[in-house]
Structure formats: structure tokens, C-alpha cells
Amino acid sequence: SVGKQVEASTGCTVSIYMNEGYPAVMNPG
């Protein structure tokens, strides 16, 4: 969403890459 806001306010093109990564280590209660 921030990328789209910056595009709209500056005239730049914003490209964002995010991977999934490893899940969190969560010790079940």
C-alpha cells in the first residue's frame, strides 16, 4: 500500500519483491 501511495504522490514507479521465507518457530502450548 505504501508503494502505491509513493507512486501516486511522486510519479515514480515502485516495484516490490517479498518472499515467503521460513515460518515462525512456535512451541505449541
PDB file of all heavy atoms in Angstrom:
ATOM      1  N   SER A   1       0.822  -1.208   0.000  1.00  0.00           N
ATOM      2  CA  SER A   1       0.000   0.000   0.000  1.00  0.00           C
ATOM      3  C   SER A   1       0.860   1.265   0.000  1.00  0.00           C
ATOM      4  O   SER A   1       0.573   2.231  -0.721  1.00  0.00           O
ATOM      5  CB  SER A   1      -0.929  -0.005   1.218  1.00  0.00           C
ATOM      6  OG  SER A   1      -1.672   1.182   1.308  1.00  0.00           O
ATOM      7  N   VAL A   2       1.933   1.260   0.799  1.00  0.00           N
ATOM      8  CA  VAL A   2       2.844   2.399   0.833  1.00  0.00           C
ATOM      9  C   VAL A   2       3.480   2.608  -0.532  1.00  0.00           C
ATOM     10  O   VAL A   2       3.636   3.744  -0.995  1.00  0.00           O
ATOM     11  CB  VAL A   2       3.926   2.200   1.916  1.00  0.00           C
ATOM     12  CG1 VAL A   2       5.057   3.219   1.749  1.00  0.00           C
ATOM     13  CG2 VAL A   2       3.310   2.334   3.305  1.00  0.00           C
ATOM     14  N   GLY A   3       3.846   1.518  -1.199  1.00  0.00           N
ATOM     15  CA  GLY A   3       4.410   1.634  -2.542  1.00  0.00           C
ATOM     16  C   GLY A   3       3.474   2.342  -3.502  1.00  0.00           C
ATOM     17  O   GLY A   3       3.892   3.209  -4.287  1.00  0.00           O
ATOM     18  N   LYS A   4       2.180   2.009  -3.428  1.00  0.00           N
ATOM     19  CA  LYS A   4       1.192   2.655  -4.305  1.00  0.00           C
ATOM     20  C   LYS A   4       1.022   4.129  -3.944  1.00  0.00           C
ATOM     21  O   LYS A   4       0.859   4.985  -4.839  1.00  0.00           O
ATOM     22  CB  LYS A   4      -0.138   1.916  -4.197  1.00  0.00           C
ATOM     23  CG  LYS A   4      -0.094   0.516  -4.802  1.00  0.00           C
ATOM     24  CD  LYS A   4      -1.421  -0.212  -4.636  1.00  0.00           C
ATOM     25  CE  LYS A   4      -1.358  -1.602  -5.257  1.00  0.00           C
ATOM     26  NZ  LYS A   4      -2.634  -2.342  -5.064  1.00  0.00           N
ATOM     27  N   GLN A   5       1.079   4.428  -2.646  1.00  0.00           N
ATOM     28  CA  GLN A   5       0.973   5.822  -2.223  1.00  0.00           C
ATOM     29  C   GLN A   5       2.143   6.654  -2.755  1.00  0.00           C
ATOM     30  O   GLN A   5       1.960   7.786  -3.228  1.00  0.00           O
ATOM     31  CB  GLN A   5       0.943   5.903  -0.696  1.00  0.00           C
ATOM     32  CG  GLN A   5      -0.291   5.311  -0.035  1.00  0.00           C
ATOM     33  CD  GLN A   5      -0.147   5.251   1.477  1.00  0.00           C
ATOM     34  OE1 GLN A   5       0.530   6.079   2.093  1.00  0.00           O
ATOM     35  NE2 GLN A   5      -0.765   4.244   2.094  1.00  0.00           N
ATOM     36  N   VAL A   6       3.345   6.093  -2.676  1.00  0.00           N
ATOM     37  CA  VAL A   6       4.530   6.801  -3.149  1.00  0.00           C
ATOM     38  C   VAL A   6       4.478   6.983  -4.665  1.00  0.00           C
ATOM     39  O   VAL A   6       4.854   8.042  -5.187  1.00  0.00           O
ATOM     40  CB  VAL A   6       5.809   6.045  -2.717  1.00  0.00           C
ATOM     41  CG1 VAL A   6       7.051   6.616  -3.405  1.00  0.00           C
ATOM     42  CG2 VAL A   6       5.978   6.117  -1.198  1.00  0.00           C
ATOM     43  N   GLU A   7       3.995   5.980  -5.368  1.00  0.00           N
ATOM     44  CA  GLU A   7       3.820   6.117  -6.818  1.00  0.00           C
ATOM     45  C   GLU A   7       2.888   7.287  -7.141  1.00  0.00           C
ATOM     46  O   GLU A   7       3.193   8.126  -8.003  1.00  0.00           O
ATOM     47  CB  GLU A   7       3.229   4.828  -7.399  1.00  0.00           C
ATOM     48  CG  GLU A   7       4.241   3.727  -7.644  1.00  0.00           C
ATOM     49  CD  GLU A   7       3.631   2.556  -8.401  1.00  0.00           C
ATOM     50  OE1 GLU A   7       2.411   2.307  -8.253  1.00  0.00           O
ATOM     51  OE2 GLU A   7       4.375   1.897  -9.126  1.00  0.00           O
ATOM     52  N   ALA A   8       1.762   7.341  -6.430  1.00  0.00           N
ATOM     53  CA  ALA A   8       0.756   8.373  -6.712  1.00  0.00           C
ATOM     54  C   ALA A   8       1.251   9.771  -6.377  1.00  0.00           C
ATOM     55  O   ALA A   8       0.938  10.745  -7.080  1.00  0.00           O
ATOM     56  CB  ALA A   8      -0.521   8.069  -5.921  1.00  0.00           C
ATOM     57  N   SER A   9       2.063   9.885  -5.314  1.00  0.00           N
ATOM     58  CA  SER A   9       2.478  11.214  -4.862  1.00  0.00           C
ATOM     59  C   SER A   9       3.751  11.730  -5.538  1.00  0.00           C
ATOM     60  O   SER A   9       3.993  12.933  -5.539  1.00  0.00           O
ATOM     61  CB  SER A   9       2.681  11.209  -3.342  1.00  0.00           C
ATOM     62  OG  SER A   9       3.722  10.324  -2.971  1.00  0.00           O
ATOM     63  N   THR A  10       4.550  10.821  -6.106  1.00  0.00           N
ATOM     64  CA  THR A  10       5.844  11.250  -6.669  1.00  0.00           C
ATOM     65  C   THR A  10       5.948  11.093  -8.174  1.00  0.00           C
ATOM     66  O   THR A  10       6.806  11.714  -8.805  1.00  0.00           O
ATOM     67  CB  THR A  10       7.000  10.448  -6.039  1.00  0.00           C
ATOM     68  OG1 THR A  10       6.892   9.065  -6.421  1.00  0.00           O
ATOM     69  CG2 THR A  10       6.983  10.579  -4.525  1.00  0.00           C
ATOM     70  N   GLY A  11       5.121  10.252  -8.761  1.00  0.00           N
ATOM     71  CA  GLY A  11       5.239   9.988 -10.196  1.00  0.00           C
ATOM     72  C   GLY A  11       6.252   8.908 -10.516  1.00  0.00           C
ATOM     73  O   GLY A  11       6.464   8.572 -11.684  1.00  0.00           O
ATOM     74  N   CYS A  12       6.896   8.347  -9.488  1.00  0.00           N
ATOM     75  CA  CYS A  12       7.838   7.242  -9.687  1.00  0.00           C
ATOM     76  C   CYS A  12       7.087   5.922  -9.866  1.00  0.00           C
ATOM     77  O   CYS A  12       5.899   5.814  -9.554  1.00  0.00           O
ATOM     78  CB  CYS A  12       8.773   7.119  -8.489  1.00  0.00           C
ATOM     79  SG  CYS A  12       9.977   8.449  -8.326  1.00  0.00           S
ATOM     80  N   THR A  13       7.799   4.935 -10.363  1.00  0.00           N
ATOM     81  CA  THR A  13       7.286   3.573 -10.411  1.00  0.00           C
ATOM     82  C   THR A  13       7.946   2.775  -9.288  1.00  0.00           C
ATOM     83  O   THR A  13       9.164   2.809  -9.142  1.00  0.00           O
ATOM     84  CB  THR A  13       7.604   2.905 -11.763  1.00  0.00           C
ATOM     85  OG1 THR A  13       6.978   3.652 -12.803  1.00  0.00           O
ATOM     86  CG2 THR A  13       7.111   1.471 -11.792  1.00  0.00           C
ATOM     87  N   VAL A  14       7.145   2.071  -8.482  1.00  0.00           N
ATOM     88  CA  VAL A  14       7.658   1.330  -7.335  1.00  0.00           C
ATOM     89  C   VAL A  14       7.428  -0.159  -7.550  1.00  0.00           C
ATOM     90  O   VAL A  14       6.301  -0.607  -7.775  1.00  0.00           O
ATOM     91  CB  VAL A  14       6.982   1.772  -6.023  1.00  0.00           C
ATOM     92  CG1 VAL A  14       7.520   0.962  -4.844  1.00  0.00           C
ATOM     93  CG2 VAL A  14       7.180   3.266  -5.795  1.00  0.00           C
ATOM     94  N   SER A  15       8.513  -0.931  -7.513  1.00  0.00           N
ATOM     95  CA  SER A  15       8.448  -2.384  -7.654  1.00  0.00           C
ATOM     96  C   SER A  15       8.898  -3.025  -6.345  1.00  0.00           C
ATOM     97  O   SER A  15       9.976  -2.703  -5.828  1.00  0.00           O
ATOM     98  CB  SER A  15       9.357  -2.840  -8.808  1.00  0.00           C
ATOM     99  OG  SER A  15       9.418  -4.252  -8.876  1.00  0.00           O
ATOM    100  N   ILE A  16       8.082  -3.942  -5.803  1.00  0.00           N
ATOM    101  CA  ILE A  16       8.373  -4.547  -4.502  1.00  0.00           C
ATOM    102  C   ILE A  16       8.397  -6.066  -4.638  1.00  0.00           C
ATOM    103  O   ILE A  16       7.477  -6.668  -5.208  1.00  0.00           O
ATOM    104  CB  ILE A  16       7.314  -4.144  -3.456  1.00  0.00           C
ATOM    105  CG1 ILE A  16       7.290  -2.622  -3.273  1.00  0.00           C
ATOM    106  CG2 ILE A  16       7.591  -4.834  -2.116  1.00  0.00           C
ATOM    107  CD1 ILE A  16       6.146  -2.135  -2.413  1.00  0.00           C
ATOM    108  N   TYR A  17       9.463  -6.677  -4.103  1.00  0.00           N
ATOM    109  CA  TYR A  17       9.571  -8.130  -4.059  1.00  0.00           C
ATOM    110  C   TYR A  17       9.629  -8.564  -2.599  1.00  0.00           C
ATOM    111  O   TYR A  17      10.418  -8.028  -1.816  1.00  0.00           O
ATOM    112  CB  TYR A  17      10.829  -8.620  -4.782  1.00  0.00           C
ATOM    113  CG  TYR A  17      11.181 -10.055  -4.451  1.00  0.00           C
ATOM    114  CD1 TYR A  17      10.537 -11.106  -5.099  1.00  0.00           C
ATOM    115  CD2 TYR A  17      12.128 -10.358  -3.475  1.00  0.00           C
ATOM    116  CE1 TYR A  17      10.830 -12.429  -4.785  1.00  0.00           C
ATOM    117  CE2 TYR A  17      12.424 -11.685  -3.148  1.00  0.00           C
ATOM    118  CZ  TYR A  17      11.782 -12.710  -3.809  1.00  0.00           C
ATOM    119  OH  TYR A  17      12.076 -14.013  -3.488  1.00  0.00           O
ATOM    120  N   MET A  18       8.794  -9.543  -2.241  1.00  0.00           N
ATOM    121  CA  MET A  18       8.842 -10.130  -0.900  1.00  0.00           C
ATOM    122  C   MET A  18       8.664 -11.639  -1.028  1.00  0.00           C
ATOM    123  O   MET A  18       7.730 -12.103  -1.692  1.00  0.00           O
ATOM    124  CB  MET A  18       7.737  -9.545  -0.008  1.00  0.00           C
ATOM    125  CG  MET A  18       7.924  -8.083   0.350  1.00  0.00           C
ATOM    126  SD  MET A  18       6.610  -7.436   1.417  1.00  0.00           S
ATOM    127  CE  MET A  18       5.281  -7.214   0.218  1.00  0.00           C
ATOM    128  N   ASN A  19       9.563 -12.410  -0.403  1.00  0.00           N
ATOM    129  CA  ASN A  19       9.416 -13.861  -0.435  1.00  0.00           C
ATOM    130  C   ASN A  19       8.627 -14.341   0.786  1.00  0.00           C
ATOM    131  O   ASN A  19       8.317 -13.568   1.684  1.00  0.00           O
ATOM    132  CB  ASN A  19      10.784 -14.550  -0.531  1.00  0.00           C
ATOM    133  CG  ASN A  19      11.639 -14.320   0.711  1.00  0.00           C
ATOM    134  OD1 ASN A  19      11.249 -13.638   1.647  1.00  0.00           O
ATOM    135  ND2 ASN A  19      12.827 -14.905   0.717  1.00  0.00           N
ATOM    136  N   GLU A  20       8.332 -15.626   0.817  1.00  0.00           N
ATOM    137  CA  GLU A  20       7.564 -16.190   1.934  1.00  0.00           C
ATOM    138  C   GLU A  20       8.455 -16.494   3.135  1.00  0.00           C
ATOM    139  O   GLU A  20       8.039 -16.378   4.274  1.00  0.00           O
ATOM    140  CB  GLU A  20       6.842 -17.468   1.491  1.00  0.00           C
ATOM    141  CG  GLU A  20       5.639 -17.202   0.601  1.00  0.00           C
ATOM    142  CD  GLU A  20       4.511 -16.485   1.333  1.00  0.00           C
ATOM    143  OE1 GLU A  20       4.248 -16.806   2.500  1.00  0.00           O
ATOM    144  OE2 GLU A  20       3.906 -15.594   0.726  1.00  0.00           O
ATOM    145  N   GLY A  21       9.710 -16.892   2.886  1.00  0.00           N
ATOM    146  CA  GLY A  21      10.630 -17.202   3.973  1.00  0.00           C
ATOM    147  C   GLY A  21      10.210 -18.426   4.767  1.00  0.00           C
ATOM    148  O   GLY A  21       9.275 -19.146   4.404  1.00  0.00           O
ATOM    149  N   TYR A  22      10.909 -18.678   5.872  1.00  0.00           N
ATOM    150  CA  TYR A  22      10.546 -19.774   6.777  1.00  0.00           C
ATOM    151  C   TYR A  22       9.410 -19.313   7.682  1.00  0.00           C
ATOM    152  O   TYR A  22       9.358 -18.149   8.086  1.00  0.00           O
ATOM    153  CB  TYR A  22      11.722 -20.170   7.674  1.00  0.00           C
ATOM    154  CG  TYR A  22      12.923 -20.768   6.979  1.00  0.00           C
ATOM    155  CD1 TYR A  22      14.139 -20.884   7.635  1.00  0.00           C
ATOM    156  CD2 TYR A  22      12.850 -21.221   5.664  1.00  0.00           C
ATOM    157  CE1 TYR A  22      15.250 -21.436   7.020  1.00  0.00           C
ATOM    158  CE2 TYR A  22      13.958 -21.764   5.035  1.00  0.00           C
ATOM    159  CZ  TYR A  22      15.158 -21.876   5.712  1.00  0.00           C
ATOM    160  OH  TYR A  22      16.252 -22.420   5.103  1.00  0.00           O
ATOM    161  N   PRO A  23       8.504 -20.215   8.057  1.00  0.00           N
ATOM    162  CA  PRO A  23       7.505 -19.857   9.078  1.00  0.00           C
ATOM    163  C   PRO A  23       8.184 -19.597  10.422  1.00  0.00           C
ATOM    164  O   PRO A  23       9.373 -19.884  10.601  1.00  0.00           O
ATOM    165  CB  PRO A  23       6.609 -21.103   9.146  1.00  0.00           C
ATOM    166  CG  PRO A  23       6.921 -21.900   7.918  1.00  0.00           C
ATOM    167  CD  PRO A  23       8.338 -21.588   7.563  1.00  0.00           C
ATOM    168  N   ALA A  24       7.428 -19.084  11.367  1.00  0.00           N
ATOM    169  CA  ALA A  24       7.961 -18.872  12.715  1.00  0.00           C
ATOM    170  C   ALA A  24       8.038 -20.191  13.480  1.00  0.00           C
ATOM    171  O   ALA A  24       7.205 -21.078  13.295  1.00  0.00           O
ATOM    172  CB  ALA A  24       7.069 -17.896  13.473  1.00  0.00           C
ATOM    173  N   VAL A  25       9.045 -20.319  14.327  1.00  0.00           N
ATOM    174  CA  VAL A  25       9.127 -21.447  15.252  1.00  0.00           C
ATOM    175  C   VAL A  25       8.214 -21.122  16.433  1.00  0.00           C
ATOM    176  O   VAL A  25       8.488 -20.197  17.201  1.00  0.00           O
ATOM    177  CB  VAL A  25      10.574 -21.685  15.733  1.00  0.00           C
ATOM    178  CG1 VAL A  25      10.608 -22.765  16.808  1.00  0.00           C
ATOM    179  CG2 VAL A  25      11.469 -22.072  14.561  1.00  0.00           C
ATOM    180  N   MET A  26       7.127 -21.852  16.542  1.00  0.00           N
ATOM    181  CA  MET A  26       6.131 -21.638  17.588  1.00  0.00           C
ATOM    182  C   MET A  26       5.994 -22.929  18.394  1.00  0.00           C
ATOM    183  O   MET A  26       5.543 -23.952  17.875  1.00  0.00           O
ATOM    184  CB  MET A  26       4.783 -21.262  16.969  1.00  0.00           C
ATOM    185  CG  MET A  26       4.807 -19.992  16.129  1.00  0.00           C
ATOM    186  SD  MET A  26       4.838 -18.487  17.117  1.00  0.00           S
ATOM    187  CE  MET A  26       3.154 -18.453  17.739  1.00  0.00           C
ATOM    188  N   ASN A  27       6.396 -22.897  19.647  1.00  0.00           N
ATOM    189  CA  ASN A  27       6.303 -24.077  20.502  1.00  0.00           C
ATOM    190  C   ASN A  27       4.867 -24.239  21.008  1.00  0.00           C
ATOM    191  O   ASN A  27       4.394 -23.392  21.777  1.00  0.00           O
ATOM    192  CB  ASN A  27       7.260 -23.958  21.686  1.00  0.00           C
ATOM    193  CG  ASN A  27       8.709 -24.142  21.285  1.00  0.00           C
ATOM    194  OD1 ASN A  27       9.021 -24.848  20.327  1.00  0.00           O
ATOM    195  ND2 ASN A  27       9.617 -23.504  22.008  1.00  0.00           N
ATOM    196  N   PRO A  28       4.173 -25.283  20.578  1.00  0.00           N
ATOM    197  CA  PRO A  28       2.756 -25.434  20.967  1.00  0.00           C
ATOM    198  C   PRO A  28       2.588 -25.556  22.476  1.00  0.00           C
ATOM    199  O   PRO A  28       3.304 -26.319  23.138  1.00  0.00           O
ATOM    200  CB  PRO A  28       2.325 -26.713  20.239  1.00  0.00           C
ATOM    201  CG  PRO A  28       3.594 -27.441  19.935  1.00  0.00           C
ATOM    202  CD  PRO A  28       4.651 -26.398  19.751  1.00  0.00           C
ATOM    203  N   GLY A  29       1.640 -24.805  23.020  1.00  0.00           N
ATOM    204  CA  GLY A  29       1.459 -24.736  24.458  1.00  0.00           C
ATOM    205  C   GLY A  29       1.215 -26.078  25.113  1.00  0.00           C
ATOM    206  O   GLY A  29       1.746 -26.368  26.193  1.00  0.00           O
TER     207      GLY A  29
END
